Amino acid sequence: MKKNKVKGKEGGAQVVKIRPAKPRVSWRARLPAVGEWYRTARQFLREALQELRKVTWPERRETLGTTAIVLFLVVVISTFLGLVDFGLARLVKGFIR
């Protein structure tokens, strides 16, 4: 039951009004029917295929070029971060000693 607290005029006393609670509905009753799930799944797949037809897929040459750039940048950034980590570790060891 939900309670509403309301200030009354009887010297600041509080009056509590009780409202009846809403009836609980089981989780199974809230689920849509199996046929509705099937229709929504089919509609989703249909729309996904339509969107995939709109995609312009890259050619092999473009894919290899972007992959090479990504791999190069991974090596460069990991080397940089490794050197920074090594330098900071040496600095902290120097302060500890």
PDB file of N, CA and C in Angstrom:
ATOM      1  N   MET A   1       0.829  -1.166   0.000  1.00  0.00           N
ATOM      2  CA  MET A   1       0.000   0.000   0.000  1.00  0.00           C
ATOM      3  C   MET A   1       0.879   1.237   0.000  1.00  0.00           C
ATOM      4  N   LYS A   2       0.508   2.210  -0.803  1.00  0.00           N
ATOM      5  CA  LYS A   2       1.249   3.458  -0.847  1.00  0.00           C
ATOM      6  C   LYS A   2       0.667   4.420   0.166  1.00  0.00           C
ATOM      7  N   LYS A   3       1.531   5.172   0.809  1.00  0.00           N
ATOM      8  CA  LYS A   3       1.083   6.122   1.820  1.00  0.00           C
ATOM      9  C   LYS A   3       1.439   7.530   1.377  1.00  0.00           C
ATOM     10  N   ASN A   4       0.511   8.435   1.549  1.00  0.00           N
ATOM     11  CA  ASN A   4       0.755   9.851   1.292  1.00  0.00           C
ATOM     12  C   ASN A   4       0.728  10.557   2.630  1.00  0.00           C
ATOM     13  N   LYS A   5       1.766  11.272   2.940  1.00  0.00           N
ATOM     14  CA  LYS A   5       1.791  12.029   4.185  1.00  0.00           C
ATOM     15  C   LYS A   5       1.327  13.452   3.888  1.00  0.00           C
ATOM     16  N   VAL A   6       0.327  13.891   4.618  1.00  0.00           N
ATOM     17  CA  VAL A   6      -0.245  15.212   4.400  1.00  0.00           C
ATOM     18  C   VAL A   6      -0.289  15.923   5.744  1.00  0.00           C
ATOM     19  N   LYS A   7       0.146  17.168   5.767  1.00  0.00           N
ATOM     20  CA  LYS A   7       0.064  17.945   7.001  1.00  0.00           C
ATOM     21  C   LYS A   7      -1.379  18.381   7.211  1.00  0.00           C
ATOM     22  N   GLY A   8      -1.871  18.069   8.379  1.00  0.00           N
ATOM     23  CA  GLY A   8      -3.240  18.464   8.722  1.00  0.00           C
ATOM     24  C   GLY A   8      -3.229  19.763   9.493  1.00  0.00           C
ATOM     25  N   LYS A   9      -4.422  20.249   9.827  1.00  0.00           N
ATOM     26  CA  LYS A   9      -4.531  21.508  10.560  1.00  0.00           C
ATOM     27  C   LYS A   9      -4.615  21.273  12.068  1.00  0.00           C
ATOM     28  N   GLU A  10      -4.475  20.029  12.517  1.00  0.00           N
ATOM     29  CA  GLU A  10      -4.579  19.704  13.932  1.00  0.00           C
ATOM     30  C   GLU A  10      -3.233  19.895  14.609  1.00  0.00           C
ATOM     31  N   GLY A  11      -2.716  21.073  14.672  1.00  0.00           N
ATOM     32  CA  GLY A  11      -1.491  21.361  15.391  1.00  0.00           C
ATOM     33  C   GLY A  11      -0.259  20.740  14.766  1.00  0.00           C
ATOM     34  N   GLY A  12      -0.200  20.614  13.461  1.00  0.00           N
ATOM     35  CA  GLY A  12       0.981  20.097  12.788  1.00  0.00           C
ATOM     36  C   GLY A  12       1.052  18.581  12.755  1.00  0.00           C
ATOM     37  N   ALA A  13       0.002  17.904  13.169  1.00  0.00           N
ATOM     38  CA  ALA A  13      -0.004  16.438  13.120  1.00  0.00           C
ATOM     39  C   ALA A  13      -0.104  15.979  11.675  1.00  0.00           C
ATOM     40  N   GLN A  14       0.406  14.790  11.427  1.00  0.00           N
ATOM     41  CA  GLN A  14       0.378  14.267  10.072  1.00  0.00           C
ATOM     42  C   GLN A  14      -0.747  13.258   9.925  1.00  0.00           C
ATOM     43  N   VAL A  15      -1.471  13.390   8.835  1.00  0.00           N
ATOM     44  CA  VAL A  15      -2.537  12.455   8.518  1.00  0.00           C
ATOM     45  C   VAL A  15      -2.050  11.587   7.375  1.00  0.00           C
ATOM     46  N   VAL A  16      -2.186  10.287   7.521  1.00  0.00           N
ATOM     47  CA  VAL A  16      -1.726   9.355   6.492  1.00  0.00           C
ATOM     48  C   VAL A  16      -2.937   8.821   5.753  1.00  0.00           C
ATOM     49  N   LYS A  17      -2.948   9.042   4.433  1.00  0.00           N
ATOM     50  CA  LYS A  17      -4.019   8.507   3.596  1.00  0.00           C
ATOM     51  C   LYS A  17      -3.476   7.270   2.893  1.00  0.00           C
ATOM     52  N   ILE A  18      -4.198   6.184   2.971  1.00  0.00           N
ATOM     53  CA  ILE A  18      -3.751   4.930   2.374  1.00  0.00           C
ATOM     54  C   ILE A  18      -4.565   4.671   1.117  1.00  0.00           C
ATOM     55  N   ARG A  19      -3.843   4.452   0.007  1.00  0.00           N
ATOM     56  CA  ARG A  19      -4.494   4.115  -1.241  1.00  0.00           C
ATOM     57  C   ARG A  19      -4.315   2.624  -1.497  1.00  0.00           C
ATOM     58  N   PRO A  20      -5.291   1.996  -2.114  1.00  0.00           N
ATOM     59  CA  PRO A  20      -5.120   0.571  -2.413  1.00  0.00           C
ATOM     60  C   PRO A  20      -4.035   0.383  -3.468  1.00  0.00           C
ATOM     61  N   ALA A  21      -3.257  -0.685  -3.300  1.00  0.00           N
ATOM     62  CA  ALA A  21      -2.162  -0.970  -4.235  1.00  0.00           C
ATOM     63  C   ALA A  21      -2.722  -1.506  -5.539  1.00  0.00           C
ATOM     64  N   LYS A  22      -1.965  -1.287  -6.604  1.00  0.00           N
ATOM     65  CA  LYS A  22      -2.357  -1.827  -7.902  1.00  0.00           C
ATOM     66  C   LYS A  22      -2.163  -3.339  -7.871  1.00  0.00           C
ATOM     67  N   PRO A  23      -3.026  -4.087  -8.538  1.00  0.00           N
ATOM     68  CA  PRO A  23      -2.840  -5.543  -8.555  1.00  0.00           C
ATOM     69  C   PRO A  23      -1.582  -5.901  -9.341  1.00  0.00           C
ATOM     70  N   ARG A  24      -0.860  -6.883  -8.841  1.00  0.00           N
ATOM     71  CA  ARG A  24       0.366  -7.306  -9.517  1.00  0.00           C
ATOM     72  C   ARG A  24       0.042  -8.196 -10.699  1.00  0.00           C
ATOM     73  N   VAL A  25       0.764  -7.967 -11.770  1.00  0.00           N
ATOM     74  CA  VAL A  25       0.609  -8.778 -12.966  1.00  0.00           C
ATOM     75  C   VAL A  25       1.875  -9.611 -13.096  1.00  0.00           C
ATOM     76  N   SER A  26       1.730 -10.901 -13.318  1.00  0.00           N
ATOM     77  CA  SER A  26       2.901 -11.762 -13.408  1.00  0.00           C
ATOM     78  C   SER A  26       3.718 -11.414 -14.645  1.00  0.00           C
ATOM     79  N   TRP A  27       4.986 -11.755 -14.606  1.00  0.00           N
ATOM     80  CA  TRP A  27       5.867 -11.431 -15.727  1.00  0.00           C
ATOM     81  C   TRP A  27       5.473 -12.202 -16.967  1.00  0.00           C
ATOM     82  N   ARG A  28       4.891 -13.379 -16.798  1.00  0.00           N
ATOM     83  CA  ARG A  28       4.458 -14.152 -17.960  1.00  0.00           C
ATOM     84  C   ARG A  28       3.294 -13.476 -18.677  1.00  0.00           C
ATOM     85  N   ALA A  29       2.426 -12.840 -17.912  1.00  0.00           N
ATOM     86  CA  ALA A  29       1.274 -12.170 -18.513  1.00  0.00           C
ATOM     87  C   ALA A  29       1.705 -10.945 -19.317  1.00  0.00           C
ATOM     88  N   ARG A  30       2.849 -10.350 -18.952  1.00  0.00           N
ATOM     89  CA  ARG A  30       3.324  -9.158 -19.674  1.00  0.00           C
ATOM     90  C   ARG A  30       4.075  -9.494 -20.950  1.00  0.00           C
ATOM     91  N   LEU A  31       4.451 -10.756 -21.133  1.00  0.00           N
ATOM     92  CA  LEU A  31       5.184 -11.137 -22.338  1.00  0.00           C
ATOM     93  C   LEU A  31       4.259 -11.165 -23.542  1.00  0.00           C
ATOM     94  N   PRO A  32       4.770 -10.715 -24.706  1.00  0.00           N
ATOM     95  CA  PRO A  32       3.935 -10.808 -25.913  1.00  0.00           C
ATOM     96  C   PRO A  32       3.803 -12.260 -26.361  1.00  0.00           C
ATOM     97  N   ALA A  33       2.820 -12.519 -27.165  1.00  0.00           N
ATOM     98  CA  ALA A  33       2.582 -13.868 -27.667  1.00  0.00           C
ATOM     99  C   ALA A  33       3.712 -14.293 -28.598  1.00  0.00           C
ATOM    100  N   VAL A  34       3.866 -15.607 -28.773  1.00  0.00           N
ATOM    101  CA  VAL A  34       4.945 -16.144 -29.608  1.00  0.00           C
ATOM    102  C   VAL A  34       4.789 -15.669 -31.046  1.00  0.00           C
ATOM    103  N   GLY A  35       3.576 -15.587 -31.533  1.00  0.00           N
ATOM    104  CA  GLY A  35       3.344 -15.121 -32.897  1.00  0.00           C
ATOM    105  C   GLY A  35       3.814 -13.689 -33.098  1.00  0.00           C
ATOM    106  N   GLU A  36       3.652 -12.870 -32.074  1.00  0.00           N
ATOM    107  CA  GLU A  36       4.118 -11.482 -32.164  1.00  0.00           C
ATOM    108  C   GLU A  36       5.640 -11.431 -32.206  1.00  0.00           C
ATOM    109  N   TRP A  37       6.297 -12.283 -31.410  1.00  0.00           N
ATOM    110  CA  TRP A  37       7.764 -12.346 -31.456  1.00  0.00           C
ATOM    111  C   TRP A  37       8.238 -12.748 -32.849  1.00  0.00           C
ATOM    112  N   TYR A  38       7.562 -13.718 -33.439  1.00  0.00           N
ATOM    113  CA  TYR A  38       7.944 -14.191 -34.762  1.00  0.00           C
ATOM    114  C   TYR A  38       7.809 -13.068 -35.787  1.00  0.00           C
ATOM    115  N   ARG A  39       6.697 -12.327 -35.735  1.00  0.00           N
ATOM    116  CA  ARG A  39       6.496 -11.221 -36.683  1.00  0.00           C
ATOM    117  C   ARG A  39       7.543 -10.128 -36.505  1.00  0.00           C
ATOM    118  N   THR A  40       7.845  -9.769 -35.252  1.00  0.00           N
ATOM    119  CA  THR A  40       8.833  -8.709 -35.033  1.00  0.00           C
ATOM    120  C   THR A  40      10.228  -9.171 -35.439  1.00  0.00           C
ATOM    121  N   ALA A  41      10.557 -10.447 -35.223  1.00  0.00           N
ATOM    122  CA  ALA A  41      11.864 -10.962 -35.633  1.00  0.00           C
ATOM    123  C   ALA A  41      11.995 -10.939 -37.152  1.00  0.00           C
ATOM    124  N   ARG A  42      10.940 -11.346 -37.854  1.00  0.00           N
ATOM    125  CA  ARG A  42      10.973 -11.311 -39.325  1.00  0.00           C
ATOM    126  C   ARG A  42      11.119  -9.888 -39.835  1.00  0.00           C
ATOM    127  N   GLN A  43      10.395  -8.957 -39.217  1.00  0.00           N
ATOM    128  CA  GLN A  43      10.485  -7.557 -39.639  1.00  0.00           C
ATOM    129  C   GLN A  43      11.901  -7.019 -39.394  1.00  0.00           C
ATOM    130  N   PHE A  44      12.500  -7.366 -38.241  1.00  0.00           N
ATOM    131  CA  PHE A  44      13.859  -6.919 -37.951  1.00  0.00           C
ATOM    132  C   PHE A  44      14.839  -7.451 -38.988  1.00  0.00           C
ATOM    133  N   LEU A  45      14.751  -8.735 -39.322  1.00  0.00           N
ATOM    134  CA  LEU A  45      15.665  -9.314 -40.303  1.00  0.00           C
ATOM    135  C   LEU A  45      15.472  -8.695 -41.679  1.00  0.00           C
ATOM    136  N   ARG A  46      14.211  -8.434 -42.053  1.00  0.00           N
ATOM    137  CA  ARG A  46      13.949  -7.795 -43.343  1.00  0.00           C
ATOM    138  C   ARG A  46      14.592  -6.412 -43.409  1.00  0.00           C
ATOM    139  N   GLU A  47      14.431  -5.631 -42.339  1.00  0.00           N
ATOM    140  CA  GLU A  47      15.001  -4.277 -42.321  1.00  0.00           C
ATOM    141  C   GLU A  47      16.527  -4.325 -42.276  1.00  0.00           C
ATOM    142  N   ALA A  48      17.101  -5.308 -41.586  1.00  0.00           N
ATOM    143  CA  ALA A  48      18.553  -5.433 -41.540  1.00  0.00           C
ATOM    144  C   ALA A  48      19.110  -5.744 -42.922  1.00  0.00           C
ATOM    145  N   LEU A  49      18.440  -6.612 -43.669  1.00  0.00           N
ATOM    146  CA  LEU A  49      18.886  -6.912 -45.027  1.00  0.00           C
ATOM    147  C   LEU A  49      18.788  -5.681 -45.929  1.00  0.00           C
ATOM    148  N   GLN A  50      17.738  -4.896 -45.770  1.00  0.00           N
ATOM    149  CA  GLN A  50      17.615  -3.668 -46.557  1.00  0.00           C
ATOM    150  C   GLN A  50      18.765  -2.719 -46.266  1.00  0.00           C
ATOM    151  N   GLU A  51      19.136  -2.599 -44.994  1.00  0.00           N
ATOM    152  CA  GLU A  51      20.245  -1.711 -44.632  1.00  0.00           C
ATOM    153  C   GLU A  51      21.565  -2.240 -45.166  1.00  0.00           C
ATOM    154  N   LEU A  52      21.763  -3.559 -45.142  1.00  0.00           N
ATOM    155  CA  LEU A  52      23.011  -4.134 -45.661  1.00  0.00           C
ATOM    156  C   LEU A  52      23.143  -3.934 -47.169  1.00  0.00           C
ATOM    157  N   ARG A  53      22.020  -3.860 -47.872  1.00  0.00           N
ATOM    158  CA  ARG A  53      22.088  -3.603 -49.315  1.00  0.00           C
ATOM    159  C   ARG A  53      22.546  -2.171 -49.612  1.00  0.00           C
ATOM    160  N   LYS A  54      22.321  -1.254 -48.668  1.00  0.00           N
ATOM    161  CA  LYS A  54      22.724   0.140 -48.858  1.00  0.00           C
ATOM    162  C   LYS A  54      24.210   0.364 -48.592  1.00  0.00           C
ATOM    163  N   VAL A  55      24.865  -0.582 -47.927  1.00  0.00           N
ATOM    164  CA  VAL A  55      26.266  -0.413 -47.534  1.00  0.00           C
ATOM    165  C   VAL A  55      27.162  -0.497 -48.758  1.00  0.00           C
ATOM    166  N   THR A  56      28.150   0.413 -48.827  1.00  0.00           N
ATOM    167  CA  THR A  56      29.168   0.304 -49.870  1.00  0.00           C
ATOM    168  C   THR A  56      30.383  -0.384 -49.240  1.00  0.00           C
ATOM    169  N   TRP A  57      30.627  -1.601 -49.659  1.00  0.00           N
ATOM    170  CA  TRP A  57      31.696  -2.394 -49.078  1.00  0.00           C
ATOM    171  C   TRP A  57      33.026  -2.002 -49.713  1.00  0.00           C
ATOM    172  N   PRO A  58      34.108  -1.922 -48.924  1.00  0.00           N
ATOM    173  CA  PRO A  58      35.411  -1.548 -49.485  1.00  0.00           C
ATOM    174  C   PRO A  58      35.995  -2.689 -50.330  1.00  0.00           C
ATOM    175  N   GLU A  59      36.841  -2.273 -51.286  1.00  0.00           N
ATOM    176  CA  GLU A  59      37.510  -3.281 -52.111  1.00  0.00           C
ATOM    177  C   GLU A  59      38.681  -3.867 -51.331  1.00  0.00           C
ATOM    178  N   ARG A  60      39.253  -4.929 -51.872  1.00  0.00           N
ATOM    179  CA  ARG A  60      40.352  -5.623 -51.201  1.00  0.00           C
ATOM    180  C   ARG A  60      41.535  -4.685 -50.965  1.00  0.00           C
ATOM    181  N   ARG A  61      41.845  -3.856 -51.960  1.00  0.00           N
ATOM    182  CA  ARG A  61      42.991  -2.952 -51.851  1.00  0.00           C
ATOM    183  C   ARG A  61      42.796  -1.952 -50.705  1.00  0.00           C
ATOM    184  N   GLU A  62      41.591  -1.391 -50.595  1.00  0.00           N
ATOM    185  CA  GLU A  62      41.295  -0.452 -49.510  1.00  0.00           C
ATOM    186  C   GLU A  62      41.388  -1.142 -48.141  1.00  0.00           C
ATOM    187  N   THR A  63      40.883  -2.364 -48.069  1.00  0.00           N
ATOM    188  CA  THR A  63      40.911  -3.099 -46.802  1.00  0.00           C
ATOM    189  C   THR A  63      42.341  -3.382 -46.366  1.00  0.00           C
ATOM    190  N   LEU A  64      43.184  -3.805 -47.298  1.00  0.00           N
ATOM    191  CA  LEU A  64      44.583  -4.085 -46.968  1.00  0.00           C
ATOM    192  C   LEU A  64      45.319  -2.812 -46.560  1.00  0.00           C
ATOM    193  N   GLY A  65      45.030  -1.697 -47.236  1.00  0.00           N
ATOM    194  CA  GLY A  65      45.685  -0.433 -46.901  1.00  0.00           C
ATOM    195  C   GLY A  65      45.324   0.054 -45.511  1.00  0.00           C
ATOM    196  N   THR A  66      44.033   0.022 -45.170  1.00  0.00           N
ATOM    197  CA  THR A  66      43.632   0.474 -43.840  1.00  0.00           C
ATOM    198  C   THR A  66      44.122  -0.474 -42.759  1.00  0.00           C
ATOM    199  N   THR A  67      44.181  -1.769 -43.048  1.00  0.00           N
ATOM    200  CA  THR A  67      44.711  -2.727 -42.081  1.00  0.00           C
ATOM    201  C   THR A  67      46.182  -2.461 -41.815  1.00  0.00           C
ATOM    202  N   ALA A  68      46.943  -2.158 -42.862  1.00  0.00           N
ATOM    203  CA  ALA A  68      48.367  -1.858 -42.697  1.00  0.00           C
ATOM    204  C   ALA A  68      48.557  -0.593 -41.853  1.00  0.00           C
ATOM    205  N   ILE A  69      47.744   0.420 -42.093  1.00  0.00           N
ATOM    206  CA  ILE A  69      47.844   1.654 -41.312  1.00  0.00           C
ATOM    207  C   ILE A  69      47.545   1.387 -39.838  1.00  0.00           C
ATOM    208  N   VAL A  70      46.509   0.608 -39.564  1.00  0.00           N
ATOM    209  CA  VAL A  70      46.145   0.291 -38.180  1.00  0.00           C
ATOM    210  C   VAL A  70      47.267  -0.471 -37.494  1.00  0.00           C
ATOM    211  N   LEU A  71      47.834  -1.473 -38.166  1.00  0.00           N
ATOM    212  CA  LEU A  71      48.921  -2.249 -37.563  1.00  0.00           C
ATOM    213  C   LEU A  71      50.148  -1.372 -37.295  1.00  0.00           C
ATOM    214  N   PHE A  72      50.470  -0.481 -38.228  1.00  0.00           N
ATOM    215  CA  PHE A  72      51.600   0.421 -38.045  1.00  0.00           C
ATOM    216  C   PHE A  72      51.384   1.328 -36.830  1.00  0.00           C
ATOM    217  N   LEU A  73      50.189   1.903 -36.727  1.00  0.00           N
ATOM    218  CA  LEU A  73      49.897   2.783 -35.601  1.00  0.00           C
ATOM    219  C   LEU A  73      49.895   2.031 -34.270  1.00  0.00           C
ATOM    220  N   VAL A  74      49.455   0.796 -34.265  1.00  0.00           N
ATOM    221  CA  VAL A  74      49.496  -0.010 -33.043  1.00  0.00           C
ATOM    222  C   VAL A  74      50.936  -0.210 -32.596  1.00  0.00           C
ATOM    223  N   VAL A  75      51.825  -0.508 -33.528  1.00  0.00           N
ATOM    224  CA  VAL A  75      53.236  -0.708 -33.181  1.00  0.00           C
ATOM    225  C   VAL A  75      53.843   0.598 -32.669  1.00  0.00           C
ATOM    226  N   VAL A  76      53.577   1.704 -33.337  1.00  0.00           N
ATOM    227  CA  VAL A  76      54.149   2.992 -32.934  1.00  0.00           C
ATOM    228  C   VAL A  76      53.650   3.404 -31.550  1.00  0.00           C
ATOM    229  N   ILE A  77      52.366   3.330 -31.336  1.00  0.00           N
ATOM    230  CA  ILE A  77      51.802   3.772 -30.053  1.00  0.00           C
ATOM    231  C   ILE A  77      52.229   2.841 -28.924  1.00  0.00           C
ATOM    232  N   SER A  78      52.266   1.535 -29.168  1.00  0.00           N
ATOM    233  CA  SER A  78      52.694   0.620 -28.109  1.00  0.00           C
ATOM    234  C   SER A  78      54.164   0.828 -27.770  1.00  0.00           C
ATOM    235  N   THR A  79      54.998   1.131 -28.758  1.00  0.00           N
ATOM    236  CA  THR A  79      56.403   1.433 -28.487  1.00  0.00           C
ATOM    237  C   THR A  79      56.519   2.701 -27.647  1.00  0.00           C
ATOM    238  N   PHE A  80      55.787   3.728 -28.012  1.00  0.00           N
ATOM    239  CA  PHE A  80      55.801   4.979 -27.256  1.00  0.00           C
ATOM    240  C   PHE A  80      55.371   4.759 -25.811  1.00  0.00           C
ATOM    241  N   LEU A  81      54.244   4.065 -25.626  1.00  0.00           N
ATOM    242  CA  LEU A  81      53.753   3.825 -24.275  1.00  0.00           C
ATOM    243  C   LEU A  81      54.701   2.940 -23.479  1.00  0.00           C
ATOM    244  N   GLY A  82      55.345   1.999 -24.140  1.00  0.00           N
ATOM    245  CA  GLY A  82      56.333   1.160 -23.454  1.00  0.00           C
ATOM    246  C   GLY A  82      57.513   1.977 -22.970  1.00  0.00           C
ATOM    247  N   LEU A  83      57.999   2.898 -23.814  1.00  0.00           N
ATOM    248  CA  LEU A  83      59.122   3.749 -23.406  1.00  0.00           C
ATOM    249  C   LEU A  83      58.726   4.688 -22.261  1.00  0.00           C
ATOM    250  N   VAL A  84      57.528   5.249 -22.323  1.00  0.00           N
ATOM    251  CA  VAL A  84      57.059   6.116 -21.242  1.00  0.00           C
ATOM    252  C   VAL A  84      56.945   5.318 -19.944  1.00  0.00           C
ATOM    253  N   ASP A  85      56.413   4.119 -20.016  1.00  0.00           N
ATOM    254  CA  ASP A  85      56.283   3.268 -18.830  1.00  0.00           C
ATOM    255  C   ASP A  85      57.648   2.919 -18.261  1.00  0.00           C
ATOM    256  N   PHE A  86      58.590   2.582 -19.137  1.00  0.00           N
ATOM    257  CA  PHE A  86      59.947   2.255 -18.687  1.00  0.00           C
ATOM    258  C   PHE A  86      60.588   3.454 -17.995  1.00  0.00           C
ATOM    259  N   GLY A  87      60.423   4.635 -18.593  1.00  0.00           N
ATOM    260  CA  GLY A  87      61.002   5.848 -18.009  1.00  0.00           C
ATOM    261  C   GLY A  87      60.377   6.197 -16.664  1.00  0.00           C
ATOM    262  N   LEU A  88      59.068   6.095 -16.565  1.00  0.00           N
ATOM    263  CA  LEU A  88      58.415   6.389 -15.292  1.00  0.00           C
ATOM    264  C   LEU A  88      58.783   5.367 -14.222  1.00  0.00           C
ATOM    265  N   ALA A  89      58.934   4.108 -14.606  1.00  0.00           N
ATOM    266  CA  ALA A  89      59.335   3.083 -13.641  1.00  0.00           C
ATOM    267  C   ALA A  89      60.736   3.386 -13.108  1.00  0.00           C
ATOM    268  N   ARG A  90      61.647   3.783 -13.980  1.00  0.00           N
ATOM    269  CA  ARG A  90      63.007   4.134 -13.536  1.00  0.00           C
ATOM    270  C   ARG A  90      62.976   5.349 -12.619  1.00  0.00           C
ATOM    271  N   LEU A  91      62.123   6.331 -12.937  1.00  0.00           N
ATOM    272  CA  LEU A  91      62.002   7.531 -12.123  1.00  0.00           C
ATOM    273  C   LEU A  91      61.475   7.207 -10.722  1.00  0.00           C
ATOM    274  N   VAL A  92      60.465   6.366 -10.644  1.00  0.00           N
ATOM    275  CA  VAL A  92      59.904   5.980  -9.353  1.00  0.00           C
ATOM    276  C   VAL A  92      60.926   5.179  -8.552  1.00  0.00           C
ATOM    277  N   LYS A  93      61.653   4.269  -9.198  1.00  0.00           N
ATOM    278  CA  LYS A  93      62.691   3.502  -8.493  1.00  0.00           C
ATOM    279  C   LYS A  93      63.778   4.436  -7.958  1.00  0.00           C
ATOM    280  N   GLY A  94      64.082   5.480  -8.706  1.00  0.00           N
ATOM    281  CA  GLY A  94      65.083   6.454  -8.250  1.00  0.00           C
ATOM    282  C   GLY A  94      64.617   7.215  -7.007  1.00  0.00           C
ATOM    283  N   PHE A  95      63.328   7.540  -6.932  1.00  0.00           N
ATOM    284  CA  PHE A  95      62.795   8.226  -5.763  1.00  0.00           C
ATOM    285  C   PHE A  95      62.738   7.303  -4.556  1.00  0.00           C
ATOM    286  N   ILE A  96      62.464   6.036  -4.790  1.00  0.00           N
ATOM    287  CA  ILE A  96      62.362   5.085  -3.674  1.00  0.00           C
ATOM    288  C   ILE A  96      63.707   4.844  -3.030  1.00  0.00           C
ATOM    289  N   ARG A  97      64.756   4.763  -3.812  1.00  0.00           N
ATOM    290  CA  ARG A  97      66.097   4.496  -3.269  1.00  0.00           C
ATOM    291  C   ARG A  97      66.597   5.701  -2.611  1.00  0.00           C
TER     292      ARG A  97
END
